[in-house]
Amino acid sequence: MSLGKRDYSLDFVKGIAILSVILIHSSPHYYLGSIAWFGQAVPLFLIVTSYLTYSRIEKGESISSYFSWANINKMFNRISLPFLVMTIIQIVIYSFLGKFTFNRLLQQGGIGPGSYYLWLYLQFWILLPFIVKIIDSISLRNAMILFISISILLELMTNILEISAVVYRFLFYRYLLVVVLGCFAKKLNFKITMPLILLALLSLLFSLVAIYTSVNFKPFFTNMWNGYHWITAFYPLLLFLLIRLVYSKLKNGWIKSFVVKLGSYSYEILLCQMFVFSMFRRSYLSFVNNIYLEIMLYVAITTLLSILPVLIYKRLHSPKVF
């Protein structure tokens, strides 16, 4: 079914998010307060995903149609198959170099930074139609109570059962409220308001305290993946709305077009950067003998290697983007 005219502001958000992915993997992000800016890449991607899924179901797509063999096959060919191909290539190379370990593959969910994202995406791909149905049947207030309660309960169970960080990083519920807010952003056409700004600042404050202090929030929050819990979901929502606002105000030009293009190719770039960062270490530039120049070179080289091959491939196979 046709979903109407493409919303390029969402590609713009994804373009910013994929640049953030590369930057967080190439820079000493802990010392840069990354949680306040490029550390929000995954929540931004998930907000866009939930926003688009809500749009599809809002336009009449049924759950049975959503889970049709045609859609499952499309999702497999678009998402899972490229990931599997990339992982197999990496396994072959790592095995040839004598560096492959099956245990590490299982722990990371793949090879390279960000490989866990596929598993988060697949969980939400399954859950989102049901989340949308719940959201459509109750008010915003009741939905917040319901999904926050579910998030708190699952965080408590994580602590009680002592789920390891290796397992926790793959579990959907640390981003559950992010996805719910993404659906409501579409349903209620959220705007930037003072209450949202205050909630976002509270979210950011919690993230900063969790990451940069020794405050222990157990048993209500785990100490794993600090900065990414249900209470932090309002900050990426504000960023999502701000980035779309920037898109609407930005004059048409090569910068706007380029970021939109990156967003439309964001999954391919995600896979490419997984390969780049798994193969190219910053230590390879230690001959520079200047830590700041070394970091800048590493950021520049890995960014180029993560993006340029995808742009060349897309140029050869689909020369027209818009």
C-alpha atoms as a PDB file:
ATOM      1  CA  MET A   1       0.000   0.000   0.000  1.00  0.00           C
ATOM      2  CA  SER A   2       1.131   3.539  -0.614  1.00  0.00           C
ATOM      3  CA  LEU A   3       2.163   5.445   2.481  1.00  0.00           C
ATOM      4  CA  GLY A   4       2.023   8.839   0.831  1.00  0.00           C
ATOM      5  CA  LYS A   5       4.741  11.366   0.180  1.00  0.00           C
ATOM      6  CA  ARG A   6       8.106  10.657   1.774  1.00  0.00           C
ATOM      7  CA  ASP A   7       8.912  12.794   4.808  1.00  0.00           C
ATOM      8  CA  TYR A   8      12.511  13.859   4.221  1.00  0.00           C
ATOM      9  CA  SER A   9      12.727  15.452   7.657  1.00  0.00           C
ATOM     10  CA  LEU A  10      12.830  11.907   9.050  1.00  0.00           C
ATOM     11  CA  ASP A  11      15.748  11.095   6.737  1.00  0.00           C
ATOM     12  CA  PHE A  12      17.399  14.257   8.037  1.00  0.00           C
ATOM     13  CA  VAL A  13      17.009  12.956  11.610  1.00  0.00           C
ATOM     14  CA  LYS A  14      18.489   9.610  10.563  1.00  0.00           C
ATOM     15  CA  GLY A  15      21.338  11.399   8.798  1.00  0.00           C
ATOM     16  CA  ILE A  16      22.233  13.226  12.022  1.00  0.00           C
ATOM     17  CA  ALA A  17      21.868   9.958  13.943  1.00  0.00           C
ATOM     18  CA  ILE A  18      24.185   7.940  11.688  1.00  0.00           C
ATOM     19  CA  LEU A  19      26.843  10.667  11.815  1.00  0.00           C
ATOM     20  CA  SER A  20      26.483  10.461  15.599  1.00  0.00           C
ATOM     21  CA  VAL A  21      27.002   6.690  15.495  1.00  0.00           C
ATOM     22  CA  ILE A  22      30.308   7.143  13.692  1.00  0.00           C
ATOM     23  CA  LEU A  23      31.408   9.938  15.999  1.00  0.00           C
ATOM     24  CA  ILE A  24      30.617   8.049  19.183  1.00  0.00           C
ATOM     25  CA  HIS A  25      32.627   5.078  17.955  1.00  0.00           C
ATOM     26  CA  SER A  26      35.614   7.135  16.826  1.00  0.00           C
ATOM     27  CA  SER A  27      35.987   9.716  19.600  1.00  0.00           C
ATOM     28  CA  PRO A  28      36.751   9.631  23.346  1.00  0.00           C
ATOM     29  CA  HIS A  29      33.031  10.237  23.865  1.00  0.00           C
ATOM     30  CA  TYR A  30      33.009   9.737  27.655  1.00  0.00           C
ATOM     31  CA  TYR A  31      34.965  12.950  28.062  1.00  0.00           C
ATOM     32  CA  LEU A  32      32.798  14.899  25.632  1.00  0.00           C
ATOM     33  CA  GLY A  33      29.444  14.610  27.417  1.00  0.00           C
ATOM     34  CA  SER A  34      28.224  12.545  24.491  1.00  0.00           C
ATOM     35  CA  ILE A  35      24.938  11.647  26.171  1.00  0.00           C
ATOM     36  CA  ALA A  36      23.822  15.232  25.543  1.00  0.00           C
ATOM     37  CA  TRP A  37      24.358  15.100  21.796  1.00  0.00           C
ATOM     38  CA  PHE A  38      25.758  12.292  19.618  1.00  0.00           C
ATOM     39  CA  GLY A  39      25.074   9.712  22.324  1.00  0.00           C
ATOM     40  CA  GLN A  40      21.384   9.848  21.393  1.00  0.00           C
ATOM     41  CA  ALA A  41      21.762   8.091  18.035  1.00  0.00           C
ATOM     42  CA  VAL A  42      19.969   4.837  18.906  1.00  0.00           C
ATOM     43  CA  PRO A  43      16.992   6.562  20.595  1.00  0.00           C
ATOM     44  CA  LEU A  44      16.640   8.832  17.545  1.00  0.00           C
ATOM     45  CA  PHE A  45      16.628   5.857  15.181  1.00  0.00           C
ATOM     46  CA  LEU A  46      13.994   4.110  17.304  1.00  0.00           C
ATOM     47  CA  ILE A  47      11.795   7.214  17.462  1.00  0.00           C
ATOM     48  CA  VAL A  48      11.860   7.414  13.659  1.00  0.00           C
ATOM     49  CA  THR A  49      11.059   3.687  13.416  1.00  0.00           C
ATOM     50  CA  SER A  50       8.088   3.942  15.776  1.00  0.00           C
ATOM     51  CA  TYR A  51       6.892   7.166  14.110  1.00  0.00           C
ATOM     52  CA  LEU A  52       6.862   5.471  10.698  1.00  0.00           C
ATOM     53  CA  THR A  53       5.270   2.276  12.015  1.00  0.00           C
ATOM     54  CA  TYR A  54       2.479   4.275  13.620  1.00  0.00           C
ATOM     55  CA  SER A  55       1.981   6.062  10.289  1.00  0.00           C
ATOM     56  CA  ARG A  56       1.601   2.761   8.464  1.00  0.00           C
ATOM     57  CA  ILE A  57      -0.962   1.361  10.887  1.00  0.00           C
ATOM     58  CA  GLU A  58      -2.751   4.714  11.114  1.00  0.00           C
ATOM     59  CA  LYS A  59      -3.230   4.572   7.333  1.00  0.00           C
ATOM     60  CA  GLY A  60      -5.040   1.249   7.665  1.00  0.00           C
ATOM     61  CA  GLU A  61      -2.402  -1.488   7.581  1.00  0.00           C
ATOM     62  CA  SER A  62      -3.671  -4.396   9.698  1.00  0.00           C
ATOM     63  CA  ILE A  63      -1.536  -6.538  11.970  1.00  0.00           C
ATOM     64  CA  SER A  64      -2.064  -9.525   9.670  1.00  0.00           C
ATOM     65  CA  SER A  65      -0.884  -7.457   6.710  1.00  0.00           C
ATOM     66  CA  TYR A  66       2.058  -6.136   8.732  1.00  0.00           C
ATOM     67  CA  PHE A  67       3.174  -9.709   9.448  1.00  0.00           C
ATOM     68  CA  SER A  68       2.445 -10.980   5.943  1.00  0.00           C
ATOM     69  CA  TRP A  69       5.043 -13.140   4.215  1.00  0.00           C
ATOM     70  CA  ALA A  70       5.691 -10.319   1.774  1.00  0.00           C
ATOM     71  CA  ASN A  71       6.580  -7.924   4.611  1.00  0.00           C
ATOM     72  CA  ILE A  72       8.603 -10.529   6.491  1.00  0.00           C
ATOM     73  CA  ASN A  73      10.537 -11.301   3.315  1.00  0.00           C
ATOM     74  CA  LYS A  74      11.065  -7.589   2.661  1.00  0.00           C
ATOM     75  CA  MET A  75      12.335  -7.038   6.203  1.00  0.00           C
ATOM     76  CA  PHE A  76      14.662 -10.050   5.927  1.00  0.00           C
ATOM     77  CA  ASN A  77      16.114  -8.922   2.586  1.00  0.00           C
ATOM     78  CA  ARG A  78      16.436  -5.286   3.675  1.00  0.00           C
ATOM     79  CA  ILE A  79      17.688  -5.727   7.256  1.00  0.00           C
ATOM     80  CA  SER A  80      18.703  -9.252   8.256  1.00  0.00           C
ATOM     81  CA  LEU A  81      20.345 -10.541   5.077  1.00  0.00           C
ATOM     82  CA  PRO A  82      22.840  -7.653   4.657  1.00  0.00           C
ATOM     83  CA  PHE A  83      23.738  -7.981   8.336  1.00  0.00           C
ATOM     84  CA  LEU A  84      24.342 -11.717   7.943  1.00  0.00           C
ATOM     85  CA  VAL A  85      26.437 -11.200   4.801  1.00  0.00           C
ATOM     86  CA  MET A  86      28.555  -8.541   6.521  1.00  0.00           C
ATOM     87  CA  THR A  87      29.003 -10.768   9.587  1.00  0.00           C
ATOM     88  CA  ILE A  88      30.066 -13.752   7.472  1.00  0.00           C
ATOM     89  CA  ILE A  89      32.640 -11.595   5.654  1.00  0.00           C
ATOM     90  CA  GLN A  90      33.999 -10.403   9.007  1.00  0.00           C
ATOM     91  CA  ILE A  91      34.119 -13.960  10.386  1.00  0.00           C
ATOM     92  CA  VAL A  92      36.124 -15.113   7.351  1.00  0.00           C
ATOM     93  CA  ILE A  93      38.601 -12.224   7.706  1.00  0.00           C
ATOM     94  CA  TYR A  94      38.930 -12.620  11.470  1.00  0.00           C
ATOM     95  CA  SER A  95      39.397 -16.391  11.104  1.00  0.00           C
ATOM     96  CA  PHE A  96      42.120 -15.827   8.497  1.00  0.00           C
ATOM     97  CA  LEU A  97      43.852 -13.440  10.920  1.00  0.00           C
ATOM     98  CA  GLY A  98      43.442 -15.907  13.782  1.00  0.00           C
ATOM     99  CA  LYS A  99      41.350 -13.434  15.815  1.00  0.00           C
ATOM    100  CA  PHE A 100      37.855 -14.906  15.577  1.00  0.00           C
ATOM    101  CA  THR A 101      36.160 -16.229  18.713  1.00  0.00           C
ATOM    102  CA  PHE A 102      32.614 -17.555  18.686  1.00  0.00           C
ATOM    103  CA  ASN A 103      32.127 -16.409  22.276  1.00  0.00           C
ATOM    104  CA  ARG A 104      32.817 -12.794  21.316  1.00  0.00           C
ATOM    105  CA  LEU A 105      30.416 -13.072  18.387  1.00  0.00           C
ATOM    106  CA  LEU A 106      27.635 -14.187  20.722  1.00  0.00           C
ATOM    107  CA  GLN A 107      28.391 -11.487  23.280  1.00  0.00           C
ATOM    108  CA  GLN A 108      28.352  -8.680  20.707  1.00  0.00           C
ATOM    109  CA  GLY A 109      25.547 -10.054  18.546  1.00  0.00           C
ATOM    110  CA  GLY A 110      27.841  -9.571  15.577  1.00  0.00           C
ATOM    111  CA  ILE A 111      31.251  -8.081  14.901  1.00  0.00           C
ATOM    112  CA  GLY A 112      31.881  -4.395  15.298  1.00  0.00           C
ATOM    113  CA  PRO A 113      30.287  -1.573  17.316  1.00  0.00           C
ATOM    114  CA  GLY A 114      26.542  -1.180  16.980  1.00  0.00           C
ATOM    115  CA  SER A 115      25.995  -4.819  16.004  1.00  0.00           C
ATOM    116  CA  TYR A 116      23.472  -5.191  18.837  1.00  0.00           C
ATOM    117  CA  TYR A 117      21.139  -2.718  17.108  1.00  0.00           C
ATOM    118  CA  LEU A 118      19.765  -5.328  14.697  1.00  0.00           C
ATOM    119  CA  TRP A 119      18.492  -7.406  17.616  1.00  0.00           C
ATOM    120  CA  LEU A 120      16.829  -4.391  19.230  1.00  0.00           C
ATOM    121  CA  TYR A 121      15.260  -3.487  15.892  1.00  0.00           C
ATOM    122  CA  LEU A 122      13.862  -6.989  15.366  1.00  0.00           C
ATOM    123  CA  GLN A 123      12.263  -7.005  18.826  1.00  0.00           C
ATOM    124  CA  PHE A 124      10.561  -3.682  18.182  1.00  0.00           C
ATOM    125  CA  TRP A 125       9.587  -4.721  14.671  1.00  0.00           C
ATOM    126  CA  ILE A 126       7.576  -7.532  16.300  1.00  0.00           C
ATOM    127  CA  LEU A 127       6.241  -5.479  19.215  1.00  0.00           C
ATOM    128  CA  LEU A 128       5.381  -2.172  17.564  1.00  0.00           C
ATOM    129  CA  PRO A 129       2.037  -3.130  15.936  1.00  0.00           C
ATOM    130  CA  PHE A 130       0.762  -4.235  19.343  1.00  0.00           C
ATOM    131  CA  ILE A 131       2.166  -1.133  21.051  1.00  0.00           C
ATOM    132  CA  VAL A 132       0.343   0.993  18.456  1.00  0.00           C
ATOM    133  CA  LYS A 133      -2.941  -0.821  19.109  1.00  0.00           C
ATOM    134  CA  ILE A 134      -2.596  -0.216  22.858  1.00  0.00           C
ATOM    135  CA  ILE A 135      -1.738   3.454  22.305  1.00  0.00           C
ATOM    136  CA  ASP A 136      -4.778   3.903  20.075  1.00  0.00           C
ATOM    137  CA  SER A 137      -7.076   2.432  22.699  1.00  0.00           C
ATOM    138  CA  ILE A 138      -6.057   4.552  25.726  1.00  0.00           C
ATOM    139  CA  SER A 139      -5.149   8.135  26.551  1.00  0.00           C
ATOM    140  CA  LEU A 140      -1.633   9.589  26.651  1.00  0.00           C
ATOM    141  CA  ARG A 141      -1.800   9.738  30.448  1.00  0.00           C
ATOM    142  CA  ASN A 142      -2.862   6.101  30.819  1.00  0.00           C
ATOM    143  CA  ALA A 143      -0.320   4.983  28.239  1.00  0.00           C
ATOM    144  CA  MET A 144       2.471   6.726  30.174  1.00  0.00           C
ATOM    145  CA  ILE A 145       1.353   5.058  33.405  1.00  0.00           C
ATOM    146  CA  LEU A 146       1.156   1.659  31.720  1.00  0.00           C
ATOM    147  CA  PHE A 147       4.479   1.702  29.868  1.00  0.00           C
ATOM    148  CA  ILE A 148       6.423   3.391  32.673  1.00  0.00           C
ATOM    149  CA  SER A 149       5.068   0.746  35.064  1.00  0.00           C
ATOM    150  CA  ILE A 150       6.130  -2.019  32.674  1.00  0.00           C
ATOM    151  CA  SER A 151       9.594  -0.439  32.343  1.00  0.00           C
ATOM    152  CA  ILE A 152      10.020  -0.126  36.117  1.00  0.00           C
ATOM    153  CA  LEU A 153       8.892  -3.713  36.662  1.00  0.00           C
ATOM    154  CA  LEU A 154      11.307  -5.053  34.046  1.00  0.00           C
ATOM    155  CA  GLU A 155      14.184  -2.998  35.501  1.00  0.00           C
ATOM    156  CA  LEU A 156      13.395  -4.429  38.937  1.00  0.00           C
ATOM    157  CA  MET A 157      13.351  -7.948  37.500  1.00  0.00           C
ATOM    158  CA  THR A 158      16.697  -7.257  35.824  1.00  0.00           C
ATOM    159  CA  ASN A 159      18.241  -6.482  39.202  1.00  0.00           C
ATOM    160  CA  ILE A 160      16.496  -9.296  41.054  1.00  0.00           C
ATOM    161  CA  LEU A 161      17.510 -11.893  38.448  1.00  0.00           C
ATOM    162  CA  GLU A 162      20.986 -10.302  38.111  1.00  0.00           C
ATOM    163  CA  ILE A 163      20.817 -10.267  34.326  1.00  0.00           C
ATOM    164  CA  SER A 164      24.303  -9.691  32.924  1.00  0.00           C
ATOM    165  CA  ALA A 165      25.331  -6.647  30.900  1.00  0.00           C
ATOM    166  CA  VAL A 166      25.937  -8.922  27.906  1.00  0.00           C
ATOM    167  CA  VAL A 167      22.265  -9.956  27.882  1.00  0.00           C
ATOM    168  CA  TYR A 168      20.827  -6.602  28.992  1.00  0.00           C
ATOM    169  CA  ARG A 169      22.283  -4.710  26.026  1.00  0.00           C
ATOM    170  CA  PHE A 170      20.078  -6.796  23.686  1.00  0.00           C
ATOM    171  CA  LEU A 171      16.810  -6.342  25.602  1.00  0.00           C
ATOM    172  CA  PHE A 172      14.171  -3.973  24.243  1.00  0.00           C
ATOM    173  CA  TYR A 173      12.757  -2.508  27.427  1.00  0.00           C
ATOM    174  CA  ARG A 174      15.483   0.032  28.146  1.00  0.00           C
ATOM    175  CA  TYR A 175      14.141   1.834  25.058  1.00  0.00           C
ATOM    176  CA  LEU A 176      10.456   0.931  25.445  1.00  0.00           C
ATOM    177  CA  LEU A 177       9.299   4.420  26.445  1.00  0.00           C
ATOM    178  CA  VAL A 178      11.367   5.955  23.637  1.00  0.00           C
ATOM    179  CA  VAL A 179       9.371   3.920  21.121  1.00  0.00           C
ATOM    180  CA  VAL A 180       6.074   4.752  22.817  1.00  0.00           C
ATOM    181  CA  LEU A 181       6.874   8.478  22.655  1.00  0.00           C
ATOM    182  CA  GLY A 182       7.785   8.086  18.982  1.00  0.00           C
ATOM    183  CA  CYS A 183       4.302   6.713  18.317  1.00  0.00           C
ATOM    184  CA  PHE A 184       2.671   9.549  20.247  1.00  0.00           C
ATOM    185  CA  ALA A 185       4.809  12.091  18.387  1.00  0.00           C
ATOM    186  CA  LYS A 186       2.969  11.002  15.257  1.00  0.00           C
ATOM    187  CA  LYS A 187      -0.447  10.426  16.803  1.00  0.00           C
ATOM    188  CA  LEU A 188      -0.617  13.764  18.638  1.00  0.00           C
ATOM    189  CA  ASN A 189       1.713  15.769  16.380  1.00  0.00           C
ATOM    190  CA  PHE A 190       3.924  16.770  19.311  1.00  0.00           C
ATOM    191  CA  LYS A 191       5.364  20.272  19.349  1.00  0.00           C
ATOM    192  CA  ILE A 192       8.152  21.720  21.456  1.00  0.00           C
ATOM    193  CA  THR A 193       6.479  22.962  24.632  1.00  0.00           C
ATOM    194  CA  MET A 194       7.717  24.080  28.032  1.00  0.00           C
ATOM    195  CA  PRO A 195       6.515  20.893  29.803  1.00  0.00           C
ATOM    196  CA  LEU A 196       8.423  18.796  27.252  1.00  0.00           C
ATOM    197  CA  ILE A 197      11.547  20.939  27.666  1.00  0.00           C
ATOM    198  CA  LEU A 198      11.373  20.495  31.452  1.00  0.00           C
ATOM    199  CA  LEU A 199      10.911  16.725  31.132  1.00  0.00           C
ATOM    200  CA  ALA A 200      13.806  16.590  28.650  1.00  0.00           C
ATOM    201  CA  LEU A 201      16.075  18.521  31.015  1.00  0.00           C
ATOM    202  CA  LEU A 202      15.116  16.120  33.810  1.00  0.00           C
ATOM    203  CA  SER A 203      15.976  13.208  31.517  1.00  0.00           C
ATOM    204  CA  LEU A 204      19.347  14.727  30.634  1.00  0.00           C
ATOM    205  CA  LEU A 205      20.122  15.506  34.275  1.00  0.00           C
ATOM    206  CA  PHE A 206      19.407  11.909  35.260  1.00  0.00           C
ATOM    207  CA  SER A 207      21.654  10.647  32.445  1.00  0.00           C
ATOM    208  CA  LEU A 208      24.527  12.914  33.488  1.00  0.00           C
ATOM    209  CA  VAL A 209      24.218  11.929  37.150  1.00  0.00           C
ATOM    210  CA  ALA A 210      24.027   8.223  36.261  1.00  0.00           C
ATOM    211  CA  ILE A 211      27.086   8.397  34.004  1.00  0.00           C
ATOM    212  CA  TYR A 212      29.380  10.851  35.751  1.00  0.00           C
ATOM    213  CA  THR A 213      28.684  10.201  39.442  1.00  0.00           C
ATOM    214  CA  SER A 214      28.693   7.155  41.705  1.00  0.00           C
ATOM    215  CA  VAL A 215      25.014   7.451  42.672  1.00  0.00           C
ATOM    216  CA  ASN A 216      23.433   3.998  42.811  1.00  0.00           C
ATOM    217  CA  PHE A 217      19.849   3.924  41.522  1.00  0.00           C
ATOM    218  CA  LYS A 218      19.246   0.251  42.241  1.00  0.00           C
ATOM    219  CA  PRO A 219      16.862  -1.503  42.474  1.00  0.00           C
ATOM    220  CA  PHE A 220      14.694   0.813  40.326  1.00  0.00           C
ATOM    221  CA  PHE A 221      17.350   1.259  37.646  1.00  0.00           C
ATOM    222  CA  THR A 222      20.247  -0.962  36.706  1.00  0.00           C
ATOM    223  CA  ASN A 223      23.809   0.307  36.671  1.00  0.00           C
ATOM    224  CA  MET A 224      24.231  -1.012  33.131  1.00  0.00           C
ATOM    225  CA  TRP A 225      24.031   1.241  30.073  1.00  0.00           C
ATOM    226  CA  ASN A 226      23.661   4.216  32.368  1.00  0.00           C
ATOM    227  CA  GLY A 227      21.949   7.114  30.679  1.00  0.00           C
ATOM    228  CA  TYR A 228      19.520   4.909  28.744  1.00  0.00           C
ATOM    229  CA  HIS A 229      16.515   4.087  30.920  1.00  0.00           C
ATOM    230  CA  TRP A 230      12.820   4.936  30.680  1.00  0.00           C
ATOM    231  CA  ILE A 231      13.290   8.210  32.570  1.00  0.00           C
ATOM    232  CA  THR A 232      15.719   9.447  29.903  1.00  0.00           C
ATOM    233  CA  ALA A 233      13.286   8.991  26.996  1.00  0.00           C
ATOM    234  CA  PHE A 234      12.031  12.586  26.919  1.00  0.00           C
ATOM    235  CA  TYR A 235      15.395  14.067  25.960  1.00  0.00           C
ATOM    236  CA  PRO A 236      15.758  12.257  22.599  1.00  0.00           C
ATOM    237  CA  LEU A 237      12.126  13.140  21.862  1.00  0.00           C
ATOM    238  CA  LEU A 238      13.028  16.817  22.256  1.00  0.00           C
ATOM    239  CA  LEU A 239      16.084  16.338  20.020  1.00  0.00           C
ATOM    240  CA  PHE A 240      13.905  14.614  17.423  1.00  0.00           C
ATOM    241  CA  LEU A 241      11.540  17.598  17.324  1.00  0.00           C
ATOM    242  CA  LEU A 242      14.433  20.088  17.317  1.00  0.00           C
ATOM    243  CA  ILE A 243      16.197  18.364  14.413  1.00  0.00           C
ATOM    244  CA  ARG A 244      12.974  18.345  12.375  1.00  0.00           C
ATOM    245  CA  LEU A 245      12.539  22.024  13.188  1.00  0.00           C
ATOM    246  CA  VAL A 246      16.077  22.713  11.952  1.00  0.00           C
ATOM    247  CA  TYR A 247      15.241  20.816   8.764  1.00  0.00           C
ATOM    248  CA  SER A 248      12.177  22.984   8.179  1.00  0.00           C
ATOM    249  CA  LYS A 249      14.153  26.197   8.731  1.00  0.00           C
ATOM    250  CA  LEU A 250      17.286  25.181   6.819  1.00  0.00           C
ATOM    251  CA  LYS A 251      17.480  26.492   3.292  1.00  0.00           C
ATOM    252  CA  ASN A 252      17.711  23.936   0.524  1.00  0.00           C
ATOM    253  CA  GLY A 253      21.321  23.300  -0.334  1.00  0.00           C
ATOM    254  CA  TRP A 254      24.040  20.690  -0.444  1.00  0.00           C
ATOM    255  CA  ILE A 255      24.313  20.344   3.359  1.00  0.00           C
ATOM    256  CA  LYS A 256      20.618  19.623   3.795  1.00  0.00           C
ATOM    257  CA  SER A 257      20.596  17.327   0.779  1.00  0.00           C
ATOM    258  CA  PHE A 258      23.711  15.491   1.941  1.00  0.00           C
ATOM    259  CA  VAL A 259      22.361  14.820   5.451  1.00  0.00           C
ATOM    260  CA  VAL A 260      19.066  13.580   3.970  1.00  0.00           C
ATOM    261  CA  LYS A 261      21.036  11.281   1.662  1.00  0.00           C
ATOM    262  CA  LEU A 262      23.005   9.906   4.629  1.00  0.00           C
ATOM    263  CA  GLY A 263      19.726   9.267   6.408  1.00  0.00           C
ATOM    264  CA  SER A 264      18.275   7.372   3.469  1.00  0.00           C
ATOM    265  CA  TYR A 265      21.422   5.201   3.437  1.00  0.00           C
ATOM    266  CA  SER A 266      21.766   5.028   7.233  1.00  0.00           C
ATOM    267  CA  TYR A 267      21.431   1.258   7.586  1.00  0.00           C
ATOM    268  CA  GLU A 268      24.055   0.578   4.934  1.00  0.00           C
ATOM    269  CA  ILE A 269      26.365   3.087   6.631  1.00  0.00           C
ATOM    270  CA  LEU A 270      25.722   1.394   9.989  1.00  0.00           C
ATOM    271  CA  LEU A 271      26.880  -1.926   8.523  1.00  0.00           C
ATOM    272  CA  CYS A 272      29.864  -0.310   6.833  1.00  0.00           C
ATOM    273  CA  GLN A 273      31.027   1.391  10.031  1.00  0.00           C
ATOM    274  CA  MET A 274      30.736  -1.942  11.860  1.00  0.00           C
ATOM    275  CA  PHE A 275      33.259  -3.343   9.398  1.00  0.00           C
ATOM    276  CA  VAL A 276      35.518  -0.280   9.511  1.00  0.00           C
ATOM    277  CA  PHE A 277      35.754  -0.089  13.295  1.00  0.00           C
ATOM    278  CA  SER A 278      36.232  -3.842  13.621  1.00  0.00           C
ATOM    279  CA  MET A 279      39.239  -3.677  11.299  1.00  0.00           C
ATOM    280  CA  PHE A 280      40.816  -0.256  11.802  1.00  0.00           C
ATOM    281  CA  ARG A 281      42.137   0.637  15.266  1.00  0.00           C
ATOM    282  CA  ARG A 282      43.209   4.029  16.521  1.00  0.00           C
ATOM    283  CA  SER A 283      46.464   2.432  17.639  1.00  0.00           C
ATOM    284  CA  TYR A 284      47.406   2.151  13.957  1.00  0.00           C
ATOM    285  CA  LEU A 285      47.921   5.929  14.029  1.00  0.00           C
ATOM    286  CA  SER A 286      50.159   5.965  17.106  1.00  0.00           C
ATOM    287  CA  PHE A 287      53.105   6.953  14.906  1.00  0.00           C
ATOM    288  CA  VAL A 288      51.623  10.466  14.792  1.00  0.00           C
ATOM    289  CA  ASN A 289      52.966  11.103  18.332  1.00  0.00           C
ATOM    290  CA  ASN A 290      50.314  13.716  19.077  1.00  0.00           C
ATOM    291  CA  ILE A 291      47.182  12.482  20.830  1.00  0.00           C
ATOM    292  CA  TYR A 292      44.933  15.281  19.555  1.00  0.00           C
ATOM    293  CA  LEU A 293      46.076  14.938  15.958  1.00  0.00           C
ATOM    294  CA  GLU A 294      45.762  11.165  16.264  1.00  0.00           C
ATOM    295  CA  ILE A 295      42.135  11.459  17.412  1.00  0.00           C
ATOM    296  CA  MET A 296      41.263  13.943  14.666  1.00  0.00           C
ATOM    297  CA  LEU A 297      42.843  11.729  12.013  1.00  0.00           C
ATOM    298  CA  TYR A 298      41.040   8.673  13.329  1.00  0.00           C
ATOM    299  CA  VAL A 299      37.680  10.462  13.307  1.00  0.00           C
ATOM    300  CA  ALA A 300      38.282  11.769   9.773  1.00  0.00           C
ATOM    301  CA  ILE A 301      39.512   8.450   8.341  1.00  0.00           C
ATOM    302  CA  THR A 302      36.819   6.268   9.928  1.00  0.00           C
ATOM    303  CA  THR A 303      34.084   8.712   8.916  1.00  0.00           C
ATOM    304  CA  LEU A 304      35.299   8.709   5.326  1.00  0.00           C
ATOM    305  CA  LEU A 305      35.666   4.919   5.215  1.00  0.00           C
ATOM    306  CA  SER A 306      32.208   4.414   6.738  1.00  0.00           C
ATOM    307  CA  ILE A 307      30.378   6.725   4.336  1.00  0.00           C
ATOM    308  CA  LEU A 308      32.266   6.878   1.030  1.00  0.00           C
ATOM    309  CA  PRO A 309      31.940   3.175   0.026  1.00  0.00           C
ATOM    310  CA  VAL A 310      28.177   3.364   0.573  1.00  0.00           C
ATOM    311  CA  LEU A 311      27.838   6.560  -1.460  1.00  0.00           C
ATOM    312  CA  ILE A 312      29.870   5.043  -4.304  1.00  0.00           C
ATOM    313  CA  TYR A 313      27.826   1.831  -4.240  1.00  0.00           C
ATOM    314  CA  LYS A 314      24.535   3.734  -4.210  1.00  0.00           C
ATOM    315  CA  ARG A 315      25.763   6.035  -6.956  1.00  0.00           C
ATOM    316  CA  LEU A 316      26.487   3.053  -9.169  1.00  0.00           C
ATOM    317  CA  HIS A 317      23.257   1.178  -8.417  1.00  0.00           C
ATOM    318  CA  SER A 318      20.727   3.931  -7.796  1.00  0.00           C
ATOM    319  CA  PRO A 319      22.066   7.224  -9.167  1.00  0.00           C
ATOM    320  CA  LYS A 320      18.919   9.181  -8.339  1.00  0.00           C
ATOM    321  CA  VAL A 321      18.028   9.579  -4.635  1.00  0.00           C
ATOM    322  CA  PHE A 322      14.975  11.836  -4.767  1.00  0.00           C
END
